[in-house]
Every structure is written in C-alpha cells, then in structure tokens.
C-alpha cells in the first residue's frame, strides 16, 4: 500500500513536465481544417475547377465560421457568383437555415 502511494505521488510530481508544452505553431504536424480547406480551394482555382473551388469555400465558411480564411472565402464566393452561404454577408443566419430544414423534414410525414 505504501509503495503504491509513493508511485502515485511520483507520477503526480512529474505531470507538469509531461503536460507542460506550449502550442508552438512551428511544431504543428498538421494544418488546421480551415487552412487545409483554403489551400484546397486555391488548388482547385489554379486547376480551373470553379465548381470544386466553390464547394470547398462553402464548406470552409459553413463548417469553420471562425476561420481566419472566412472573409476571403466569402469574397471569392461572391466573385464566383455563388449565392452567399450562411456566415457570409448577405447569407442566411445559421438559425434561419436550421428552421428551414426542420420545416422541410416535417412536411414529408
């Protein structure tokens, strides 16, 4: 019993050293989802695939509204002539879209 207590105390004593790393962006192994979607949309733009670029930008804006790429994505969607998705100026508010979806689901049954 005493040995178990000593082992537990030793483990708790080293916890700050195990968990104490910062979030250094230079050490990240992966980009954030918004960064990846923005890069993917840019690749589609360079390849001339406007449809794929539009779908990717819409996904970025709707799924990651706090992304640092949101404003640029909304601007590019406007340039492409796409109707503004939620979270873009002129687009429906997220709550409005949920209400429409609920109404459509209720009409079928």
PDB file of N, CA and C in Angstrom:
ATOM      1  N   UNK A   1       0.830  -1.189   0.000  1.00  0.00           N
ATOM      2  CA  UNK A   1       0.000   0.000   0.000  1.00  0.00           C
ATOM      3  C   UNK A   1       0.875   1.253   0.000  1.00  0.00           C
ATOM      4  N   UNK A   2       1.895   1.193   0.819  1.00  0.00           N
ATOM      5  CA  UNK A   2       2.787   2.341   0.918  1.00  0.00           C
ATOM      6  C   UNK A   2       3.547   2.549  -0.400  1.00  0.00           C
ATOM      7  N   UNK A   3       3.923   1.454  -1.049  1.00  0.00           N
ATOM      8  CA  UNK A   3       4.635   1.548  -2.328  1.00  0.00           C
ATOM      9  C   UNK A   3       3.736   2.158  -3.402  1.00  0.00           C
ATOM     10  N   UNK A   4       2.471   1.776  -3.401  1.00  0.00           N
ATOM     11  CA  UNK A   4       1.526   2.322  -4.374  1.00  0.00           C
ATOM     12  C   UNK A   4       1.359   3.822  -4.171  1.00  0.00           C
ATOM     13  N   UNK A   5       1.320   4.258  -2.933  1.00  0.00           N
ATOM     14  CA  UNK A   5       1.192   5.680  -2.641  1.00  0.00           C
ATOM     15  C   UNK A   5       2.419   6.442  -3.129  1.00  0.00           C
ATOM     16  N   UNK A   6       3.601   5.866  -2.958  1.00  0.00           N
ATOM     17  CA  UNK A   6       4.830   6.512  -3.414  1.00  0.00           C
ATOM     18  C   UNK A   6       4.870   6.607  -4.944  1.00  0.00           C
ATOM     19  N   UNK A   7       4.433   5.541  -5.606  1.00  0.00           N
ATOM     20  CA  UNK A   7       4.402   5.558  -7.073  1.00  0.00           C
ATOM     21  C   UNK A   7       3.420   6.623  -7.565  1.00  0.00           C
ATOM     22  N   UNK A   8       2.250   6.693  -6.956  1.00  0.00           N
ATOM     23  CA  UNK A   8       1.248   7.683  -7.336  1.00  0.00           C
ATOM     24  C   UNK A   8       1.779   9.095  -7.123  1.00  0.00           C
ATOM     25  N   UNK A   9       2.420   9.320  -5.985  1.00  0.00           N
ATOM     26  CA  UNK A   9       2.988  10.629  -5.691  1.00  0.00           C
ATOM     27  C   UNK A   9       4.071  10.990  -6.712  1.00  0.00           C
ATOM     28  N   UNK A  10       4.890  10.016  -7.082  1.00  0.00           N
ATOM     29  CA  UNK A  10       5.944  10.256  -8.070  1.00  0.00           C
ATOM     30  C   UNK A  10       5.352  10.607  -9.430  1.00  0.00           C
ATOM     31  N   UNK A  11       4.282   9.929  -9.822  1.00  0.00           N
ATOM     32  CA  UNK A  11       3.637  10.217 -11.106  1.00  0.00           C
ATOM     33  C   UNK A  11       3.024  11.612 -11.119  1.00  0.00           C
ATOM     34  N   UNK A  12       2.345  11.982 -10.045  1.00  0.00           N
ATOM     35  CA  UNK A  12       1.759  13.315  -9.976  1.00  0.00           C
ATOM     36  C   UNK A  12       2.836  14.387  -9.943  1.00  0.00           C
ATOM     37  N   UNK A  13       3.957  14.082  -9.343  1.00  0.00           N
ATOM     38  CA  UNK A  13       5.058  15.043  -9.267  1.00  0.00           C
ATOM     39  C   UNK A  13       5.678  15.343 -10.618  1.00  0.00           C
ATOM     40  N   UNK A  14       5.589  14.429 -11.567  1.00  0.00           N
ATOM     41  CA  UNK A  14       6.173  14.648 -12.892  1.00  0.00           C
ATOM     42  C   UNK A  14       5.151  15.124 -13.919  1.00  0.00           C
ATOM     43  N   UNK A  15       3.891  15.179 -13.562  1.00  0.00           N
ATOM     44  CA  UNK A  15       2.846  15.554 -14.520  1.00  0.00           C
ATOM     45  C   UNK A  15       3.094  16.900 -15.198  1.00  0.00           C
ATOM     46  N   UNK A  16       3.479  17.956 -14.482  1.00  0.00           N
ATOM     47  CA  UNK A  16       3.700  19.221 -15.187  1.00  0.00           C
ATOM     48  C   UNK A  16       4.787  19.126 -16.254  1.00  0.00           C
ATOM     49  N   UNK A  17       5.769  18.274 -16.054  1.00  0.00           N
ATOM     50  CA  UNK A  17       6.817  18.128 -17.052  1.00  0.00           C
ATOM     51  C   UNK A  17       6.302  17.376 -18.276  1.00  0.00           C
ATOM     52  N   UNK A  18       5.374  16.465 -18.079  1.00  0.00           N
ATOM     53  CA  UNK A  18       4.821  15.709 -19.194  1.00  0.00           C
ATOM     54  C   UNK A  18       3.846  16.556 -20.001  1.00  0.00           C
ATOM     55  N   UNK A  19       3.047  17.372 -19.342  1.00  0.00           N
ATOM     56  CA  UNK A  19       1.977  18.115 -20.000  1.00  0.00           C
ATOM     57  C   UNK A  19       2.355  19.546 -20.301  1.00  0.00           C
ATOM     58  N   UNK A  20       3.500  19.975 -19.882  1.00  0.00           N
ATOM     59  CA  UNK A  20       3.812  21.392 -19.902  1.00  0.00           C
ATOM     60  C   UNK A  20       4.317  21.947 -21.210  1.00  0.00           C
ATOM     61  N   UNK A  21       3.989  21.429 -22.338  1.00  0.00           N
ATOM     62  CA  UNK A  21       4.415  22.039 -23.593  1.00  0.00           C
ATOM     63  C   UNK A  21       3.455  23.128 -24.016  1.00  0.00           C
ATOM     64  N   UNK A  22       3.937  24.087 -24.767  1.00  0.00           N
ATOM     65  CA  UNK A  22       3.056  25.113 -25.311  1.00  0.00           C
ATOM     66  C   UNK A  22       2.483  24.651 -26.638  1.00  0.00           C
ATOM     67  N   UNK A  23       1.772  25.526 -27.280  1.00  0.00           N
ATOM     68  CA  UNK A  23       1.207  25.238 -28.598  1.00  0.00           C
ATOM     69  C   UNK A  23       1.985  26.002 -29.649  1.00  0.00           C
ATOM     70  N   UNK A  24       3.239  25.684 -29.801  1.00  0.00           N
ATOM     71  CA  UNK A  24       4.094  26.361 -30.767  1.00  0.00           C
ATOM     72  C   UNK A  24       3.644  26.003 -32.178  1.00  0.00           C
ATOM     73  N   UNK A  25       3.155  26.990 -32.956  1.00  0.00           N
ATOM     74  CA  UNK A  25       2.667  26.686 -34.306  1.00  0.00           C
ATOM     75  C   UNK A  25       3.753  26.137 -35.218  1.00  0.00           C
ATOM     76  N   UNK A  26       5.009  26.410 -34.920  1.00  0.00           N
ATOM     77  CA  UNK A  26       6.097  25.878 -35.747  1.00  0.00           C
ATOM     78  C   UNK A  26       6.297  24.387 -35.551  1.00  0.00           C
ATOM     79  N   UNK A  27       5.738  23.848 -34.463  1.00  0.00           N
ATOM     80  CA  UNK A  27       5.884  22.422 -34.179  1.00  0.00           C
ATOM     81  C   UNK A  27       4.663  21.611 -34.598  1.00  0.00           C
ATOM     82  N   UNK A  28       3.637  22.279 -35.132  1.00  0.00           N
ATOM     83  CA  UNK A  28       2.431  21.550 -35.560  1.00  0.00           C
ATOM     84  C   UNK A  28       2.772  20.608 -36.694  1.00  0.00           C
ATOM     85  N   UNK A  29       2.197  19.435 -36.650  1.00  0.00           N
ATOM     86  CA  UNK A  29       2.397  18.467 -37.719  1.00  0.00           C
ATOM     87  C   UNK A  29       1.339  18.595 -38.797  1.00  0.00           C
ATOM     88  N   UNK A  30       0.179  19.149 -38.445  1.00  0.00           N
ATOM     89  CA  UNK A  30      -0.919  19.279 -39.399  1.00  0.00           C
ATOM     90  C   UNK A  30      -1.449  20.702 -39.372  1.00  0.00           C
ATOM     91  N   UNK A  31      -1.982  21.136 -40.512  1.00  0.00           N
ATOM     92  CA  UNK A  31      -2.653  22.424 -40.564  1.00  0.00           C
ATOM     93  C   UNK A  31      -4.030  22.281 -39.947  1.00  0.00           C
ATOM     94  N   UNK A  32      -4.598  23.387 -39.593  1.00  0.00           N
ATOM     95  CA  UNK A  32      -5.980  23.363 -39.122  1.00  0.00           C
ATOM     96  C   UNK A  32      -6.890  23.130 -40.312  1.00  0.00           C
ATOM     97  N   UNK A  33      -8.101  22.703 -40.031  1.00  0.00           N
ATOM     98  CA  UNK A  33      -9.036  22.375 -41.111  1.00  0.00           C
ATOM     99  C   UNK A  33      -9.309  23.575 -42.027  1.00  0.00           C
ATOM    100  N   UNK A  34      -9.486  24.753 -41.455  1.00  0.00           N
ATOM    101  CA  UNK A  34      -9.730  25.936 -42.278  1.00  0.00           C
ATOM    102  C   UNK A  34      -8.565  26.243 -43.203  1.00  0.00           C
ATOM    103  N   UNK A  35      -7.336  26.066 -42.686  1.00  0.00           N
ATOM    104  CA  UNK A  35      -6.154  26.274 -43.520  1.00  0.00           C
ATOM    105  C   UNK A  35      -6.122  25.274 -44.665  1.00  0.00           C
ATOM    106  N   UNK A  36      -6.418  24.024 -44.340  1.00  0.00           N
ATOM    107  CA  UNK A  36      -6.384  22.977 -45.357  1.00  0.00           C
ATOM    108  C   UNK A  36      -7.445  23.211 -46.431  1.00  0.00           C
ATOM    109  N   UNK A  37      -8.656  23.593 -46.014  1.00  0.00           N
ATOM    110  CA  UNK A  37      -9.717  23.849 -46.999  1.00  0.00           C
ATOM    111  C   UNK A  37      -9.391  25.064 -47.858  1.00  0.00           C
ATOM    112  N   UNK A  38      -8.798  26.083 -47.257  1.00  0.00           N
ATOM    113  CA  UNK A  38      -8.403  27.259 -48.033  1.00  0.00           C
ATOM    114  C   UNK A  38      -7.352  26.886 -49.070  1.00  0.00           C
ATOM    115  N   UNK A  39      -6.375  26.098 -48.667  1.00  0.00           N
ATOM    116  CA  UNK A  39      -5.339  25.655 -49.607  1.00  0.00           C
ATOM    117  C   UNK A  39      -5.931  24.792 -50.719  1.00  0.00           C
ATOM    118  N   UNK A  40      -6.867  23.926 -50.348  1.00  0.00           N
ATOM    119  CA  UNK A  40      -7.502  23.061 -51.337  1.00  0.00           C
ATOM    120  C   UNK A  40      -8.303  23.885 -52.350  1.00  0.00           C
ATOM    121  N   UNK A  41      -9.031  24.883 -51.854  1.00  0.00           N
ATOM    122  CA  UNK A  41      -9.796  25.746 -52.759  1.00  0.00           C
ATOM    123  C   UNK A  41      -8.858  26.483 -53.715  1.00  0.00           C
ATOM    124  N   UNK A  42      -7.723  26.919 -53.209  1.00  0.00           N
ATOM    125  CA  UNK A  42      -6.745  27.595 -54.059  1.00  0.00           C
ATOM    126  C   UNK A  42      -6.205  26.652 -55.136  1.00  0.00           C
ATOM    127  N   UNK A  43      -5.969  25.400 -54.762  1.00  0.00           N
ATOM    128  CA  UNK A  43      -5.518  24.411 -55.750  1.00  0.00           C
ATOM    129  C   UNK A  43      -6.571  24.204 -56.839  1.00  0.00           C
ATOM    130  N   UNK A  44      -7.846  24.137 -56.438  1.00  0.00           N
ATOM    131  CA  UNK A  44      -8.926  23.985 -57.418  1.00  0.00           C
ATOM    132  C   UNK A  44      -8.996  25.210 -58.329  1.00  0.00           C
ATOM    133  N   UNK A  45      -8.793  26.417 -57.752  1.00  0.00           N
ATOM    134  CA  UNK A  45      -8.815  27.636 -58.557  1.00  0.00           C
ATOM    135  C   UNK A  45      -7.711  27.600 -59.613  1.00  0.00           C
ATOM    136  N   UNK A  46      -6.511  27.216 -59.190  1.00  0.00           N
ATOM    137  CA  UNK A  46      -5.378  27.152 -60.118  1.00  0.00           C
ATOM    138  C   UNK A  46      -5.603  26.113 -61.209  1.00  0.00           C
ATOM    139  N   UNK A  47      -6.324  25.042 -60.866  1.00  0.00           N
ATOM    140  CA  UNK A  47      -6.607  23.988 -61.839  1.00  0.00           C
ATOM    141  C   UNK A  47      -7.787  24.348 -62.743  1.00  0.00           C
ATOM    142  N   UNK A  48      -8.456  25.453 -62.452  1.00  0.00           N
ATOM    143  CA  UNK A  48      -9.590  25.867 -63.272  1.00  0.00           C
ATOM    144  C   UNK A  48     -10.883  25.154 -62.948  1.00  0.00           C
ATOM    145  N   UNK A  49     -10.976  24.536 -61.782  1.00  0.00           N
ATOM    146  CA  UNK A  49     -12.186  23.807 -61.388  1.00  0.00           C
ATOM    147  C   UNK A  49     -13.016  24.688 -60.444  1.00  0.00           C
ATOM    148  N   UNK A  50     -13.779  25.618 -61.037  1.00  0.00           N
ATOM    149  CA  UNK A  50     -14.543  26.583 -60.254  1.00  0.00           C
ATOM    150  C   UNK A  50     -15.610  25.908 -59.390  1.00  0.00           C
ATOM    151  N   UNK A  51     -16.200  24.844 -59.873  1.00  0.00           N
ATOM    152  CA  UNK A  51     -17.239  24.149 -59.119  1.00  0.00           C
ATOM    153  C   UNK A  51     -16.666  23.550 -57.826  1.00  0.00           C
ATOM    154  N   UNK A  52     -15.528  22.889 -57.931  1.00  0.00           N
ATOM    155  CA  UNK A  52     -14.900  22.302 -56.742  1.00  0.00           C
ATOM    156  C   UNK A  52     -14.403  23.393 -55.803  1.00  0.00           C
ATOM    157  N   UNK A  53     -13.886  24.477 -56.368  1.00  0.00           N
ATOM    158  CA  UNK A  53     -13.439  25.600 -55.541  1.00  0.00           C
ATOM    159  C   UNK A  53     -14.612  26.162 -54.742  1.00  0.00           C
ATOM    160  N   UNK A  54     -15.745  26.351 -55.415  1.00  0.00           N
ATOM    161  CA  UNK A  54     -16.941  26.893 -54.758  1.00  0.00           C
ATOM    162  C   UNK A  54     -17.419  25.989 -53.637  1.00  0.00           C
ATOM    163  N   UNK A  55     -17.522  24.701 -53.894  1.00  0.00           N
ATOM    164  CA  UNK A  55     -17.977  23.754 -52.861  1.00  0.00           C
ATOM    165  C   UNK A  55     -17.024  23.746 -51.663  1.00  0.00           C
ATOM    166  N   UNK A  56     -15.732  23.839 -51.927  1.00  0.00           N
ATOM    167  CA  UNK A  56     -14.737  23.823 -50.855  1.00  0.00           C
ATOM    168  C   UNK A  56     -14.835  25.092 -50.018  1.00  0.00           C
ATOM    169  N   UNK A  57     -14.981  26.241 -50.675  1.00  0.00           N
ATOM    170  CA  UNK A  57     -15.115  27.502 -49.948  1.00  0.00           C
ATOM    171  C   UNK A  57     -16.398  27.536 -49.125  1.00  0.00           C
ATOM    172  N   UNK A  58     -17.485  27.001 -49.682  1.00  0.00           N
ATOM    173  CA  UNK A  58     -18.748  26.933 -48.929  1.00  0.00           C
ATOM    174  C   UNK A  58     -18.587  26.074 -47.683  1.00  0.00           C
ATOM    175  N   UNK A  59     -17.902  24.944 -47.825  1.00  0.00           N
ATOM    176  CA  UNK A  59     -17.671  24.074 -46.671  1.00  0.00           C
ATOM    177  C   UNK A  59     -16.840  24.793 -45.615  1.00  0.00           C
ATOM    178  N   UNK A  60     -15.835  25.531 -46.040  1.00  0.00           N
ATOM    179  CA  UNK A  60     -14.988  26.273 -45.107  1.00  0.00           C
ATOM    180  C   UNK A  60     -15.825  27.277 -44.311  1.00  0.00           C
ATOM    181  N   UNK A  61     -16.643  28.049 -45.018  1.00  0.00           N
ATOM    182  CA  UNK A  61     -17.425  29.114 -44.381  1.00  0.00           C
ATOM    183  C   UNK A  61     -18.486  28.544 -43.442  1.00  0.00           C
ATOM    184  N   UNK A  62     -19.152  27.478 -43.851  1.00  0.00           N
ATOM    185  CA  UNK A  62     -20.251  26.928 -43.060  1.00  0.00           C
ATOM    186  C   UNK A  62     -19.725  26.111 -41.871  1.00  0.00           C
ATOM    187  N   UNK A  63     -18.726  25.277 -42.103  1.00  0.00           N
ATOM    188  CA  UNK A  63     -18.247  24.387 -41.040  1.00  0.00           C
ATOM    189  C   UNK A  63     -17.237  25.039 -40.106  1.00  0.00           C
ATOM    190  N   UNK A  64     -16.538  26.064 -40.578  1.00  0.00           N
ATOM    191  CA  UNK A  64     -15.498  26.714 -39.771  1.00  0.00           C
ATOM    192  C   UNK A  64     -15.682  28.229 -39.812  1.00  0.00           C
ATOM    193  N   UNK A  65     -16.795  28.741 -39.251  1.00  0.00           N
ATOM    194  CA  UNK A  65     -17.096  30.172 -39.342  1.00  0.00           C
ATOM    195  C   UNK A  65     -16.090  31.068 -38.626  1.00  0.00           C
ATOM    196  N   UNK A  66     -15.323  30.530 -37.698  1.00  0.00           N
ATOM    197  CA  UNK A  66     -14.339  31.353 -37.006  1.00  0.00           C
ATOM    198  C   UNK A  66     -12.963  31.285 -37.669  1.00  0.00           C
ATOM    199  N   UNK A  67     -12.874  30.627 -38.804  1.00  0.00           N
ATOM    200  CA  UNK A  67     -11.605  30.516 -39.519  1.00  0.00           C
ATOM    201  C   UNK A  67     -11.116  31.889 -39.953  1.00  0.00           C
ATOM    202  N   UNK A  68      -9.815  32.064 -39.924  1.00  0.00           N
ATOM    203  CA  UNK A  68      -9.236  33.330 -40.380  1.00  0.00           C
ATOM    204  C   UNK A  68      -9.390  33.496 -41.895  1.00  0.00           C
ATOM    205  N   UNK A  69      -9.781  32.454 -42.589  1.00  0.00           N
ATOM    206  CA  UNK A  69      -9.955  32.496 -44.046  1.00  0.00           C
ATOM    207  C   UNK A  69     -11.400  32.801 -44.461  1.00  0.00           C
ATOM    208  N   UNK A  70     -12.312  32.954 -43.495  1.00  0.00           N
ATOM    209  CA  UNK A  70     -13.735  33.110 -43.810  1.00  0.00           C
ATOM    210  C   UNK A  70     -14.009  34.334 -44.686  1.00  0.00           C
ATOM    211  N   UNK A  71     -13.476  35.494 -44.314  1.00  0.00           N
ATOM    212  CA  UNK A  71     -13.774  36.705 -45.083  1.00  0.00           C
ATOM    213  C   UNK A  71     -13.303  36.592 -46.527  1.00  0.00           C
ATOM    214  N   UNK A  72     -12.106  36.080 -46.697  1.00  0.00           N
ATOM    215  CA  UNK A  72     -11.569  35.925 -48.052  1.00  0.00           C
ATOM    216  C   UNK A  72     -12.399  34.914 -48.837  1.00  0.00           C
ATOM    217  N   UNK A  73     -12.827  33.838 -48.155  1.00  0.00           N
ATOM    218  CA  UNK A  73     -13.654  32.823 -48.822  1.00  0.00           C
ATOM    219  C   UNK A  73     -14.997  33.416 -49.250  1.00  0.00           C
ATOM    220  N   UNK A  74     -15.597  34.238 -48.384  1.00  0.00           N
ATOM    221  CA  UNK A  74     -16.871  34.879 -48.743  1.00  0.00           C
ATOM    222  C   UNK A  74     -16.689  35.788 -49.950  1.00  0.00           C
ATOM    223  N   UNK A  75     -15.592  36.526 -49.970  1.00  0.00           N
ATOM    224  CA  UNK A  75     -15.314  37.406 -51.105  1.00  0.00           C
ATOM    225  C   UNK A  75     -15.128  36.632 -52.395  1.00  0.00           C
ATOM    226  N   UNK A  76     -14.414  35.529 -52.312  1.00  0.00           N
ATOM    227  CA  UNK A  76     -14.179  34.718 -53.510  1.00  0.00           C
ATOM    228  C   UNK A  76     -15.480  34.084 -53.996  1.00  0.00           C
ATOM    229  N   UNK A  77     -16.323  33.639 -53.054  1.00  0.00           N
ATOM    230  CA  UNK A  77     -17.622  33.081 -53.452  1.00  0.00           C
ATOM    231  C   UNK A  77     -18.447  34.134 -54.194  1.00  0.00           C
ATOM    232  N   UNK A  78     -18.399  35.377 -53.721  1.00  0.00           N
ATOM    233  CA  UNK A  78     -19.123  36.454 -54.408  1.00  0.00           C
ATOM    234  C   UNK A  78     -18.560  36.652 -55.811  1.00  0.00           C
ATOM    235  N   UNK A  79     -17.231  36.598 -55.959  1.00  0.00           N
ATOM    236  CA  UNK A  79     -16.610  36.732 -57.281  1.00  0.00           C
ATOM    237  C   UNK A  79     -17.054  35.616 -58.217  1.00  0.00           C
ATOM    238  N   UNK A  80     -17.263  34.428 -57.660  1.00  0.00           N
ATOM    239  CA  UNK A  80     -17.695  33.281 -58.466  1.00  0.00           C
ATOM    240  C   UNK A  80     -19.186  33.339 -58.791  1.00  0.00           C
ATOM    241  N   UNK A  81     -19.897  34.305 -58.208  1.00  0.00           N
ATOM    242  CA  UNK A  81     -21.327  34.443 -58.471  1.00  0.00           C
ATOM    243  C   UNK A  81     -22.181  33.482 -57.682  1.00  0.00           C
ATOM    244  N   UNK A  82     -21.617  32.892 -56.639  1.00  0.00           N
ATOM    245  CA  UNK A  82     -22.369  31.941 -55.815  1.00  0.00           C
ATOM    246  C   UNK A  82     -23.255  32.704 -54.839  1.00  0.00           C
ATOM    247  N   UNK A  83     -24.451  32.193 -54.551  1.00  0.00           N
ATOM    248  CA  UNK A  83     -25.263  32.830 -53.520  1.00  0.00           C
ATOM    249  C   UNK A  83     -24.527  32.709 -52.184  1.00  0.00           C
ATOM    250  N   UNK A  84     -24.570  33.745 -51.356  1.00  0.00           N
ATOM    251  CA  UNK A  84     -23.805  33.697 -50.113  1.00  0.00           C
ATOM    252  C   UNK A  84     -24.339  32.638 -49.154  1.00  0.00           C
ATOM    253  N   UNK A  85     -23.464  31.761 -48.671  1.00  0.00           N
ATOM    254  CA  UNK A  85     -23.894  30.771 -47.683  1.00  0.00           C
ATOM    255  C   UNK A  85     -24.017  31.424 -46.312  1.00  0.00           C
ATOM    256  N   UNK A  86     -24.517  30.675 -45.357  1.00  0.00           N
ATOM    257  CA  UNK A  86     -24.590  31.213 -44.001  1.00  0.00           C
ATOM    258  C   UNK A  86     -23.178  31.616 -43.558  1.00  0.00           C
ATOM    259  N   UNK A  87     -23.113  32.567 -42.675  1.00  0.00           N
ATOM    260  CA  UNK A  87     -21.870  33.124 -42.134  1.00  0.00           C
ATOM    261  C   UNK A  87     -21.152  34.056 -43.092  1.00  0.00           C
ATOM    262  N   UNK A  88     -21.748  34.347 -44.268  1.00  0.00           N
ATOM    263  CA  UNK A  88     -21.209  35.345 -45.183  1.00  0.00           C
ATOM    264  C   UNK A  88     -22.182  36.524 -45.202  1.00  0.00           C
ATOM    265  N   UNK A  89     -21.674  37.742 -45.456  1.00  0.00           N
ATOM    266  CA  UNK A  89     -22.584  38.878 -45.566  1.00  0.00           C
ATOM    267  C   UNK A  89     -23.651  38.614 -46.626  1.00  0.00           C
ATOM    268  N   UNK A  90     -24.892  38.841 -46.267  1.00  0.00           N
ATOM    269  CA  UNK A  90     -25.999  38.623 -47.193  1.00  0.00           C
ATOM    270  C   UNK A  90     -26.523  37.201 -47.187  1.00  0.00           C
ATOM    271  N   UNK A  91     -25.860  36.302 -46.502  1.00  0.00           N
ATOM    272  CA  UNK A  91     -26.299  34.913 -46.429  1.00  0.00           C
ATOM    273  C   UNK A  91     -27.278  34.711 -45.285  1.00  0.00           C
ATOM    274  N   UNK A  92     -27.950  33.576 -45.266  1.00  0.00           N
ATOM    275  CA  UNK A  92     -28.896  33.309 -44.178  1.00  0.00           C
ATOM    276  C   UNK A  92     -28.144  33.107 -42.861  1.00  0.00           C
ATOM    277  N   UNK A  93     -28.781  33.494 -41.781  1.00  0.00           N
ATOM    278  CA  UNK A  93     -28.211  33.230 -40.464  1.00  0.00           C
ATOM    279  C   UNK A  93     -28.278  31.729 -40.214  1.00  0.00           C
ATOM    280  N   UNK A  94     -27.355  31.182 -39.454  1.00  0.00           N
ATOM    281  CA  UNK A  94     -27.390  29.734 -39.191  1.00  0.00           C
ATOM    282  C   UNK A  94     -28.722  29.265 -38.617  1.00  0.00           C
ATOM    283  N   UNK A  95     -29.368  30.055 -37.767  1.00  0.00           N
ATOM    284  CA  UNK A  95     -30.650  29.641 -37.186  1.00  0.00           C
ATOM    285  C   UNK A  95     -31.744  29.602 -38.238  1.00  0.00           C
ATOM    286  N   UNK A  96     -31.704  30.517 -39.231  1.00  0.00           N
ATOM    287  CA  UNK A  96     -32.703  30.520 -40.304  1.00  0.00           C
ATOM    288  C   UNK A  96     -32.610  29.239 -41.115  1.00  0.00           C
ATOM    289  N   UNK A  97     -31.402  28.795 -41.396  1.00  0.00           N
ATOM    290  CA  UNK A  97     -31.228  27.583 -42.188  1.00  0.00           C
ATOM    291  C   UNK A  97     -31.762  26.371 -41.422  1.00  0.00           C
ATOM    292  N   UNK A  98     -31.500  26.310 -40.114  1.00  0.00           N
ATOM    293  CA  UNK A  98     -31.987  25.177 -39.313  1.00  0.00           C
ATOM    294  C   UNK A  98     -33.503  25.150 -39.311  1.00  0.00           C
ATOM    295  N   UNK A  99     -34.149  26.313 -39.220  1.00  0.00           N
ATOM    296  CA  UNK A  99     -35.604  26.369 -39.232  1.00  0.00           C
ATOM    297  C   UNK A  99     -36.155  25.861 -40.556  1.00  0.00           C
ATOM    298  N   UNK A 100     -35.532  26.248 -41.673  1.00  0.00           N
ATOM    299  CA  UNK A 100     -35.989  25.783 -42.988  1.00  0.00           C
ATOM    300  C   UNK A 100     -35.869  24.276 -43.079  1.00  0.00           C
ATOM    301  N   UNK A 101     -34.771  23.724 -42.586  1.00  0.00           N
ATOM    302  CA  UNK A 101     -34.538  22.287 -42.638  1.00  0.00           C
ATOM    303  C   UNK A 101     -35.594  21.551 -41.827  1.00  0.00           C
ATOM    304  N   UNK A 102     -35.899  22.083 -40.637  1.00  0.00           N
ATOM    305  CA  UNK A 102     -36.917  21.449 -39.792  1.00  0.00           C
ATOM    306  C   UNK A 102     -38.270  21.447 -40.500  1.00  0.00           C
ATOM    307  N   UNK A 103     -38.612  22.560 -41.149  1.00  0.00           N
ATOM    308  CA  UNK A 103     -39.890  22.654 -41.842  1.00  0.00           C
ATOM    309  C   UNK A 103     -39.985  21.669 -42.974  1.00  0.00           C
ATOM    310  N   UNK A 104     -38.894  21.490 -43.726  1.00  0.00           N
ATOM    311  CA  UNK A 104     -38.897  20.559 -44.848  1.00  0.00           C
ATOM    312  C   UNK A 104     -39.071  19.127 -44.349  1.00  0.00           C
ATOM    313  N   UNK A 105     -38.406  18.795 -43.242  1.00  0.00           N
ATOM    314  CA  UNK A 105     -38.490  17.437 -42.713  1.00  0.00           C
ATOM    315  C   UNK A 105     -39.900  17.146 -42.215  1.00  0.00           C
ATOM    316  N   UNK A 106     -40.545  18.165 -41.625  1.00  0.00           N
ATOM    317  CA  UNK A 106     -41.878  17.953 -41.093  1.00  0.00           C
ATOM    318  C   UNK A 106     -42.940  17.841 -42.165  1.00  0.00           C
ATOM    319  N   UNK A 107     -42.690  18.391 -43.359  1.00  0.00           N
ATOM    320  CA  UNK A 107     -43.687  18.367 -44.416  1.00  0.00           C
ATOM    321  C   UNK A 107     -43.876  16.974 -45.022  1.00  0.00           C
ATOM    322  N   UNK A 108     -42.836  16.126 -44.895  1.00  0.00           N
ATOM    323  CA  UNK A 108     -42.891  14.833 -45.565  1.00  0.00           C
ATOM    324  C   UNK A 108     -43.620  13.760 -44.806  1.00  0.00           C
ATOM    325  N   UNK A 109     -44.025  13.976 -43.552  1.00  0.00           N
ATOM    326  CA  UNK A 109     -44.576  12.842 -42.854  1.00  0.00           C
ATOM    327  C   UNK A 109     -45.714  13.159 -42.057  1.00  0.00           C
TER     328      UNK A 109
END
